[in-house]
C-alpha atoms as a PDB file:
ATOM      1  CA  MET A   1      -7.087 -13.382  -8.076  1.00  0.00           C
ATOM      2  CA  THR A   2      -8.667 -16.162  -6.053  1.00  0.00           C
ATOM      3  CA  LEU A   3      -7.029 -19.497  -5.496  1.00  0.00           C
ATOM      4  CA  THR A   4      -7.418 -22.575  -7.626  1.00  0.00           C
ATOM      5  CA  LEU A   5      -6.804 -26.200  -6.696  1.00  0.00           C
ATOM      6  CA  HIS A   6      -3.409 -25.926  -8.402  1.00  0.00           C
ATOM      7  CA  ASP A   7      -2.502 -22.843  -6.330  1.00  0.00           C
ATOM      8  CA  VAL A   8      -3.416 -24.541  -3.058  1.00  0.00           C
ATOM      9  CA  VAL A   9      -1.461 -27.699  -3.914  1.00  0.00           C
ATOM     10  CA  ALA A  10       1.519 -25.547  -4.932  1.00  0.00           C
ATOM     11  CA  VAL A  11       1.642 -24.121  -1.395  1.00  0.00           C
ATOM     12  CA  LEU A  12       0.441 -27.019   0.760  1.00  0.00           C
ATOM     13  CA  GLY A  13       1.312 -30.073  -1.282  1.00  0.00           C
ATOM     14  CA  PRO A  14      -1.302 -32.829  -1.466  1.00  0.00           C
ATOM     15  CA  ALA A  15      -4.332 -31.775   0.589  1.00  0.00           C
ATOM     16  CA  ASP A  16      -7.764 -33.025   1.514  1.00  0.00           C
ATOM     17  CA  LYS A  17     -10.433 -31.925  -0.996  1.00  0.00           C
ATOM     18  CA  THR A  18     -12.610 -30.499   1.768  1.00  0.00           C
ATOM     19  CA  LEU A  19      -9.752 -28.380   3.105  1.00  0.00           C
ATOM     20  CA  VAL A  20      -8.932 -27.162  -0.399  1.00  0.00           C
ATOM     21  CA  ALA A  21     -12.570 -26.157  -0.953  1.00  0.00           C
ATOM     22  CA  GLU A  22     -12.654 -24.297   2.377  1.00  0.00           C
ATOM     23  CA  ILE A  23      -9.434 -22.470   1.525  1.00  0.00           C
ATOM     24  CA  VAL A  24     -10.666 -21.473  -1.940  1.00  0.00           C
ATOM     25  CA  ALA A  25     -13.959 -20.275  -0.407  1.00  0.00           C
ATOM     26  CA  THR A  26     -12.090 -17.694   1.695  1.00  0.00           C
ATOM     27  CA  GLY A  27     -11.288 -15.708  -1.443  1.00  0.00           C
ATOM     28  CA  ALA A  28      -7.635 -15.530  -0.402  1.00  0.00           C
ATOM     29  CA  THR A  29      -4.690 -15.102  -2.714  1.00  0.00           C
ATOM     30  CA  GLN A  30      -1.782 -17.499  -3.070  1.00  0.00           C
ATOM     31  CA  ALA A  31       0.428 -15.018  -1.189  1.00  0.00           C
ATOM     32  CA  GLU A  32      -2.053 -14.949   1.707  1.00  0.00           C
ATOM     33  CA  LEU A  33      -2.120 -18.746   1.770  1.00  0.00           C
ATOM     34  CA  ALA A  34       1.684 -18.925   1.762  1.00  0.00           C
ATOM     35  CA  GLU A  35       1.810 -16.478   4.686  1.00  0.00           C
ATOM     36  CA  ALA A  36      -0.837 -18.461   6.575  1.00  0.00           C
ATOM     37  CA  PHE A  37       1.066 -21.688   5.916  1.00  0.00           C
ATOM     38  CA  ALA A  38       4.199 -20.115   7.395  1.00  0.00           C
ATOM     39  CA  TRP A  39       2.267 -18.973  10.476  1.00  0.00           C
ATOM     40  CA  ALA A  40       0.584 -22.346  10.941  1.00  0.00           C
ATOM     41  CA  ASN A  41       3.906 -24.172  10.786  1.00  0.00           C
ATOM     42  CA  ASN A  42       6.293 -21.838  12.586  1.00  0.00           C
ATOM     43  CA  ASP A  43       4.523 -19.058  14.458  1.00  0.00           C
ATOM     44  CA  GLU A  44       7.204 -18.745  17.162  1.00  0.00           C
ATOM     45  CA  ALA A  45       9.875 -17.869  14.620  1.00  0.00           C
ATOM     46  CA  LEU A  46       7.668 -15.265  12.960  1.00  0.00           C
ATOM     47  CA  VAL A  47       6.796 -13.668  16.298  1.00  0.00           C
ATOM     48  CA  GLY A  48      10.491 -13.764  17.151  1.00  0.00           C
ATOM     49  CA  GLU A  49      11.170 -11.784  13.966  1.00  0.00           C
ATOM     50  CA  GLY A  50       8.811  -9.116  15.261  1.00  0.00           C
ATOM     51  CA  ARG A  51       6.011  -9.807  12.805  1.00  0.00           C
ATOM     52  CA  HIS A  52       2.488  -8.844  13.790  1.00  0.00           C
ATOM     53  CA  LEU A  53      -0.007 -11.641  14.314  1.00  0.00           C
ATOM     54  CA  PRO A  54      -2.051 -12.398  11.205  1.00  0.00           C
ATOM     55  CA  THR A  55      -5.450 -10.807  10.692  1.00  0.00           C
ATOM     56  CA  GLY A  56      -8.273 -11.054   8.176  1.00  0.00           C
ATOM     57  CA  ARG A  57      -8.078 -13.786   5.566  1.00  0.00           C
ATOM     58  CA  VAL A  58      -4.602 -14.853   6.644  1.00  0.00           C
ATOM     59  CA  ALA A  59      -5.855 -15.463  10.189  1.00  0.00           C
ATOM     60  CA  ALA A  60      -8.841 -17.405   8.840  1.00  0.00           C
ATOM     61  CA  LEU A  61      -6.513 -19.533   6.736  1.00  0.00           C
ATOM     62  CA  VAL A  62      -4.248 -20.198   9.728  1.00  0.00           C
ATOM     63  CA  ASP A  63      -7.303 -21.433  11.646  1.00  0.00           C
ATOM     64  CA  LEU A  64      -8.271 -23.734   8.775  1.00  0.00           C
ATOM     65  CA  LEU A  65      -4.760 -25.118   8.450  1.00  0.00           C
ATOM     66  CA  ARG A  66      -4.382 -25.698  12.170  1.00  0.00           C
ATOM     67  CA  SER A  67      -7.790 -27.341  12.507  1.00  0.00           C
ATOM     68  CA  ASP A  68      -6.832 -29.704   9.676  1.00  0.00           C
ATOM     69  CA  GLU A  69      -3.653 -30.675  11.561  1.00  0.00           C
ATOM     70  CA  GLU A  70      -5.719 -31.542  14.636  1.00  0.00           C
ATOM     71  CA  GLU A  71      -8.024 -33.925  12.763  1.00  0.00           C
ATOM     72  CA  PRO A  72      -7.479 -37.559  13.738  1.00  0.00           C
ATOM     73  CA  ASP A  73      -6.451 -39.921  10.939  1.00  0.00           C
END
């Protein structure tokens, strides 16, 4: 099942409409978004746990989330 605005906000909290649209367009699931959110916010801990680096949609979501963090206000 693809994400809805409600699903994205449930994981990320309030988010820019453009970012939400880009996330929904990936066709990811809420579980994939939650995993990407964890990677984008604490990748060192996940690597330390021995987890493999994200691939596929999760990796694409991580890129989107990180690029949003780098945007100037």
